[in-house]
Amino acid sequence: MAEPKARVKIPKQVKRGEPFLVKTLISHKMETGLRKNKATGEEIPREIINKFVATFNGEEVFRADWHPAVSANPYMTFYMSATESGELEFLWVDDDGNEYRKSATVNAV
């Protein structure tokens, strides 16, 4: 599988203390481990992203544990607010312990 590509979208500026929408998407096949290879009959091993964490200036603001029922290329949205500008960092972790990271700058005015 190709290296998962993460994408993040936040507003260019946010109002201090006002909620804003954060959108994330990561390209990943999210194989459940329940399917079989049609040609060989062998089970296709489970390979999913099972943890998503978002931190703002080092403080956790959102966390999700994912399971095999999550679709391929998982899309996650959540609201948060910021009283100051800073760095919003995202972490996705898969079954093998691989970590995928992305960050975005929050400009609070």
N, C-alpha and C. Protein backbone atom coordinates (compact mmCIF):
# COMPACT_ATOMS: atom_id res chain seq x y z
N MET A 1 0.85 -1.18 0.00
CA MET A 1 0.00 0.00 0.00
C MET A 1 0.89 1.23 0.00
N ALA A 2 0.49 2.25 -0.74
CA ALA A 2 1.22 3.51 -0.76
C ALA A 2 1.07 4.20 0.59
N GLU A 3 2.05 5.03 0.90
CA GLU A 3 2.02 5.79 2.16
C GLU A 3 0.72 6.60 2.24
N PRO A 4 -0.04 6.47 3.33
CA PRO A 4 -1.27 7.25 3.47
C PRO A 4 -1.00 8.76 3.38
N LYS A 5 -1.88 9.46 2.70
CA LYS A 5 -1.76 10.90 2.57
C LYS A 5 -2.85 11.55 3.44
N ALA A 6 -2.42 12.42 4.34
CA ALA A 6 -3.36 13.10 5.22
C ALA A 6 -3.65 14.49 4.70
N ARG A 7 -4.90 14.90 4.83
CA ARG A 7 -5.32 16.25 4.46
C ARG A 7 -6.10 16.87 5.60
N VAL A 8 -5.90 18.16 5.79
CA VAL A 8 -6.55 18.89 6.88
C VAL A 8 -7.06 20.21 6.32
N LYS A 9 -8.25 20.61 6.75
CA LYS A 9 -8.79 21.90 6.33
C LYS A 9 -9.35 22.63 7.54
N ILE A 10 -8.84 23.85 7.75
CA ILE A 10 -9.35 24.73 8.80
C ILE A 10 -9.49 26.13 8.20
N PRO A 11 -10.28 27.01 8.84
CA PRO A 11 -10.40 28.37 8.31
C PRO A 11 -9.05 29.09 8.35
N LYS A 12 -8.86 30.07 7.44
CA LYS A 12 -7.62 30.85 7.42
C LYS A 12 -7.45 31.66 8.70
N GLN A 13 -8.56 32.17 9.22
CA GLN A 13 -8.57 32.89 10.49
C GLN A 13 -9.77 32.43 11.29
N VAL A 14 -9.62 32.41 12.61
CA VAL A 14 -10.74 32.07 13.48
C VAL A 14 -10.90 33.18 14.52
N LYS A 15 -12.12 33.36 15.00
CA LYS A 15 -12.37 34.34 16.04
C LYS A 15 -12.01 33.73 17.39
N ARG A 16 -11.26 34.46 18.18
CA ARG A 16 -10.85 33.95 19.50
C ARG A 16 -12.08 33.51 20.30
N GLY A 17 -12.01 32.27 20.80
CA GLY A 17 -13.08 31.74 21.64
C GLY A 17 -14.30 31.24 20.89
N GLU A 18 -14.38 31.45 19.59
CA GLU A 18 -15.53 31.00 18.79
C GLU A 18 -15.26 29.61 18.21
N PRO A 19 -16.24 28.71 18.24
CA PRO A 19 -16.04 27.38 17.65
C PRO A 19 -15.81 27.47 16.13
N PHE A 20 -14.94 26.60 15.63
CA PHE A 20 -14.72 26.50 14.19
C PHE A 20 -14.59 25.03 13.83
N LEU A 21 -14.86 24.74 12.55
CA LEU A 21 -14.88 23.36 12.05
C LEU A 21 -13.49 22.94 11.57
N VAL A 22 -13.07 21.76 12.00
CA VAL A 22 -11.82 21.15 11.57
C VAL A 22 -12.21 19.91 10.75
N LYS A 23 -11.65 19.81 9.54
CA LYS A 23 -11.93 18.66 8.67
C LYS A 23 -10.63 17.92 8.40
N THR A 24 -10.65 16.59 8.53
CA THR A 24 -9.48 15.78 8.24
C THR A 24 -9.87 14.59 7.37
N LEU A 25 -8.93 14.16 6.56
CA LEU A 25 -9.12 12.97 5.74
C LEU A 25 -7.75 12.32 5.56
N ILE A 26 -7.71 11.00 5.64
CA ILE A 26 -6.47 10.28 5.38
C ILE A 26 -6.76 9.15 4.40
N SER A 27 -5.90 9.02 3.40
CA SER A 27 -6.09 7.95 2.41
C SER A 27 -5.54 6.65 3.01
N HIS A 28 -6.42 5.69 3.22
CA HIS A 28 -6.03 4.40 3.81
C HIS A 28 -7.10 3.38 3.46
N LYS A 29 -6.70 2.17 3.11
CA LYS A 29 -7.70 1.17 2.67
C LYS A 29 -8.56 0.61 3.80
N MET A 30 -8.09 0.70 5.05
CA MET A 30 -8.87 0.24 6.21
C MET A 30 -9.40 -1.18 5.99
N GLU A 31 -8.52 -2.10 5.75
CA GLU A 31 -8.89 -3.51 5.53
C GLU A 31 -9.34 -4.14 6.84
N THR A 32 -10.55 -4.71 6.87
CA THR A 32 -11.17 -5.21 8.09
C THR A 32 -10.59 -6.53 8.61
N GLY A 33 -9.98 -7.31 7.73
CA GLY A 33 -9.52 -8.63 8.13
C GLY A 33 -10.60 -9.69 8.00
N LEU A 34 -11.76 -9.31 7.50
CA LEU A 34 -12.89 -10.24 7.37
C LEU A 34 -13.08 -10.75 5.94
N ARG A 35 -12.39 -10.13 4.99
CA ARG A 35 -12.54 -10.55 3.58
C ARG A 35 -11.51 -11.60 3.21
N LYS A 36 -11.81 -12.32 2.13
CA LYS A 36 -10.88 -13.32 1.60
C LYS A 36 -10.47 -12.93 0.19
N ASN A 37 -9.26 -13.29 -0.16
CA ASN A 37 -8.78 -13.10 -1.52
C ASN A 37 -9.56 -14.04 -2.42
N LYS A 38 -10.24 -13.52 -3.43
CA LYS A 38 -11.08 -14.35 -4.29
C LYS A 38 -10.28 -15.39 -5.07
N ALA A 39 -9.06 -15.06 -5.42
CA ALA A 39 -8.24 -15.99 -6.21
C ALA A 39 -7.67 -17.13 -5.37
N THR A 40 -7.25 -16.84 -4.13
CA THR A 40 -6.58 -17.86 -3.32
C THR A 40 -7.44 -18.39 -2.18
N GLY A 41 -8.47 -17.64 -1.80
CA GLY A 41 -9.30 -18.05 -0.67
C GLY A 41 -8.70 -17.71 0.68
N GLU A 42 -7.50 -17.13 0.69
CA GLU A 42 -6.85 -16.75 1.95
C GLU A 42 -7.44 -15.46 2.50
N GLU A 43 -7.47 -15.38 3.84
CA GLU A 43 -7.96 -14.17 4.48
C GLU A 43 -7.01 -13.01 4.21
N ILE A 44 -7.57 -11.84 3.95
CA ILE A 44 -6.76 -10.63 3.79
C ILE A 44 -6.56 -10.07 5.20
N PRO A 45 -5.31 -9.90 5.63
CA PRO A 45 -5.07 -9.46 7.01
C PRO A 45 -5.65 -8.09 7.32
N ARG A 46 -6.05 -7.94 8.57
CA ARG A 46 -6.58 -6.66 9.04
C ARG A 46 -5.48 -5.60 8.98
N GLU A 47 -5.83 -4.43 8.49
CA GLU A 47 -4.90 -3.30 8.43
C GLU A 47 -5.73 -2.02 8.50
N ILE A 48 -5.91 -1.51 9.72
CA ILE A 48 -6.72 -0.31 9.90
C ILE A 48 -5.96 0.74 10.71
N ILE A 49 -6.39 1.97 10.56
CA ILE A 49 -5.96 3.03 11.47
C ILE A 49 -6.90 2.91 12.66
N ASN A 50 -6.34 2.77 13.85
CA ASN A 50 -7.20 2.53 15.01
C ASN A 50 -7.23 3.68 16.01
N LYS A 51 -6.39 4.71 15.79
CA LYS A 51 -6.39 5.83 16.72
C LYS A 51 -6.17 7.13 15.98
N PHE A 52 -6.93 8.16 16.35
CA PHE A 52 -6.78 9.51 15.82
C PHE A 52 -6.74 10.47 17.01
N VAL A 53 -5.74 11.36 17.02
CA VAL A 53 -5.61 12.32 18.12
C VAL A 53 -5.28 13.69 17.52
N ALA A 54 -5.95 14.72 18.01
CA ALA A 54 -5.65 16.10 17.62
C ALA A 54 -5.23 16.87 18.86
N THR A 55 -4.13 17.60 18.76
CA THR A 55 -3.65 18.43 19.87
C THR A 55 -3.48 19.86 19.37
N PHE A 56 -3.72 20.80 20.26
CA PHE A 56 -3.53 22.21 19.95
C PHE A 56 -2.56 22.79 20.97
N ASN A 57 -1.43 23.29 20.48
CA ASN A 57 -0.36 23.79 21.34
C ASN A 57 0.00 22.78 22.44
N GLY A 58 0.04 21.49 22.05
CA GLY A 58 0.45 20.43 22.97
C GLY A 58 -0.65 19.87 23.85
N GLU A 59 -1.85 20.43 23.80
CA GLU A 59 -2.97 19.96 24.62
C GLU A 59 -3.97 19.20 23.76
N GLU A 60 -4.35 18.01 24.20
CA GLU A 60 -5.30 17.20 23.43
C GLU A 60 -6.65 17.90 23.37
N VAL A 61 -7.20 18.01 22.14
CA VAL A 61 -8.52 18.63 21.95
C VAL A 61 -9.54 17.66 21.39
N PHE A 62 -9.07 16.54 20.81
CA PHE A 62 -10.00 15.55 20.25
C PHE A 62 -9.28 14.21 20.13
N ARG A 63 -10.01 13.13 20.38
CA ARG A 63 -9.47 11.77 20.26
C ARG A 63 -10.59 10.85 19.78
N ALA A 64 -10.22 9.89 18.93
CA ALA A 64 -11.18 8.89 18.47
C ALA A 64 -10.47 7.55 18.32
N ASP A 65 -11.11 6.48 18.77
CA ASP A 65 -10.65 5.12 18.54
C ASP A 65 -11.49 4.55 17.42
N TRP A 66 -10.84 4.06 16.38
CA TRP A 66 -11.54 3.53 15.22
C TRP A 66 -11.48 2.02 15.21
N HIS A 67 -12.48 1.40 14.59
CA HIS A 67 -12.62 -0.04 14.53
C HIS A 67 -12.82 -0.47 13.08
N PRO A 68 -12.84 -1.78 12.80
CA PRO A 68 -12.91 -2.24 11.41
C PRO A 68 -14.11 -1.73 10.61
N ALA A 69 -15.17 -1.28 11.25
CA ALA A 69 -16.34 -0.81 10.51
C ALA A 69 -16.14 0.58 9.91
N VAL A 70 -15.05 1.26 10.22
CA VAL A 70 -14.78 2.58 9.64
C VAL A 70 -14.39 2.40 8.17
N SER A 71 -14.96 3.24 7.32
CA SER A 71 -14.75 3.09 5.88
C SER A 71 -13.32 3.43 5.47
N ALA A 72 -12.99 3.02 4.26
CA ALA A 72 -11.69 3.39 3.69
C ALA A 72 -11.61 4.90 3.58
N ASN A 73 -10.41 5.44 3.63
CA ASN A 73 -10.16 6.87 3.53
C ASN A 73 -11.00 7.64 4.55
N PRO A 74 -10.80 7.36 5.84
CA PRO A 74 -11.66 7.95 6.86
C PRO A 74 -11.61 9.48 6.90
N TYR A 75 -12.80 10.06 6.98
CA TYR A 75 -13.02 11.50 7.03
C TYR A 75 -13.54 11.81 8.43
N MET A 76 -12.88 12.72 9.12
CA MET A 76 -13.27 13.06 10.49
C MET A 76 -13.42 14.57 10.58
N THR A 77 -14.51 15.03 11.18
CA THR A 77 -14.70 16.45 11.44
C THR A 77 -15.02 16.65 12.91
N PHE A 78 -14.62 17.78 13.43
CA PHE A 78 -14.98 18.14 14.80
C PHE A 78 -14.86 19.65 14.94
N TYR A 79 -15.51 20.17 15.98
CA TYR A 79 -15.43 21.60 16.28
C TYR A 79 -14.50 21.81 17.47
N MET A 80 -13.82 22.94 17.44
CA MET A 80 -12.99 23.35 18.57
C MET A 80 -12.96 24.87 18.60
N SER A 81 -12.45 25.43 19.66
CA SER A 81 -12.25 26.88 19.71
C SER A 81 -10.83 27.14 20.20
N ALA A 82 -10.33 28.33 19.89
CA ALA A 82 -8.97 28.71 20.27
C ALA A 82 -8.98 30.13 20.83
N THR A 83 -8.33 30.33 21.95
CA THR A 83 -8.22 31.66 22.53
C THR A 83 -6.91 32.33 22.13
N GLU A 84 -6.06 31.58 21.42
CA GLU A 84 -4.78 32.11 20.94
C GLU A 84 -4.41 31.40 19.65
N SER A 85 -3.49 31.98 18.92
CA SER A 85 -2.98 31.32 17.71
C SER A 85 -2.05 30.19 18.13
N GLY A 86 -1.87 29.22 17.24
CA GLY A 86 -0.98 28.12 17.58
C GLY A 86 -1.00 27.02 16.55
N GLU A 87 -0.39 25.90 16.92
CA GLU A 87 -0.24 24.76 16.03
C GLU A 87 -1.22 23.66 16.39
N LEU A 88 -1.99 23.24 15.40
CA LEU A 88 -2.93 22.13 15.54
C LEU A 88 -2.26 20.93 14.90
N GLU A 89 -2.00 19.89 15.69
CA GLU A 89 -1.29 18.71 15.20
C GLU A 89 -2.21 17.50 15.23
N PHE A 90 -2.07 16.66 14.20
CA PHE A 90 -2.92 15.48 14.04
C PHE A 90 -2.05 14.24 13.98
N LEU A 91 -2.53 13.17 14.58
CA LEU A 91 -1.82 11.89 14.61
C LEU A 91 -2.80 10.77 14.32
N TRP A 92 -2.44 9.93 13.35
CA TRP A 92 -3.18 8.71 13.05
C TRP A 92 -2.23 7.55 13.31
N VAL A 93 -2.70 6.48 13.98
CA VAL A 93 -1.86 5.32 14.28
C VAL A 93 -2.57 4.07 13.76
N ASP A 94 -1.81 3.21 13.04
CA ASP A 94 -2.42 1.99 12.49
C ASP A 94 -2.08 0.77 13.35
N ASP A 95 -2.60 -0.38 12.95
CA ASP A 95 -2.42 -1.63 13.70
C ASP A 95 -0.95 -2.01 13.88
N ASP A 96 -0.11 -1.63 12.93
CA ASP A 96 1.32 -1.97 13.01
C ASP A 96 2.12 -0.96 13.82
N GLY A 97 1.46 0.05 14.36
CA GLY A 97 2.15 1.07 15.14
C GLY A 97 2.71 2.20 14.29
N ASN A 98 2.46 2.17 12.98
CA ASN A 98 2.91 3.27 12.12
C ASN A 98 2.13 4.53 12.47
N GLU A 99 2.84 5.65 12.49
CA GLU A 99 2.22 6.93 12.81
C GLU A 99 2.26 7.84 11.60
N TYR A 100 1.15 8.51 11.35
CA TYR A 100 1.05 9.46 10.25
C TYR A 100 0.66 10.80 10.88
N ARG A 101 1.40 11.85 10.52
CA ARG A 101 1.21 13.15 11.15
C ARG A 101 0.96 14.26 10.12
N LYS A 102 0.21 15.24 10.57
CA LYS A 102 -0.05 16.43 9.77
C LYS A 102 -0.28 17.57 10.75
N SER A 103 0.02 18.79 10.35
CA SER A 103 -0.22 19.93 11.24
C SER A 103 -0.78 21.10 10.43
N ALA A 104 -1.39 22.02 11.14
CA ALA A 104 -1.95 23.23 10.55
C ALA A 104 -1.84 24.36 11.56
N THR A 105 -1.63 25.55 11.06
CA THR A 105 -1.51 26.72 11.93
C THR A 105 -2.87 27.38 12.10
N VAL A 106 -3.25 27.61 13.34
CA VAL A 106 -4.50 28.30 13.67
C VAL A 106 -4.15 29.77 13.91
N ASN A 107 -4.79 30.65 13.16
CA ASN A 107 -4.57 32.09 13.30
C ASN A 107 -5.80 32.69 13.99
N ALA A 108 -5.73 32.89 15.31
CA ALA A 108 -6.85 33.42 16.09
C ALA A 108 -6.76 34.94 16.15
N VAL A 109 -7.84 35.61 15.74
CA VAL A 109 -7.87 37.07 15.78
C VAL A 109 -9.01 37.59 16.64
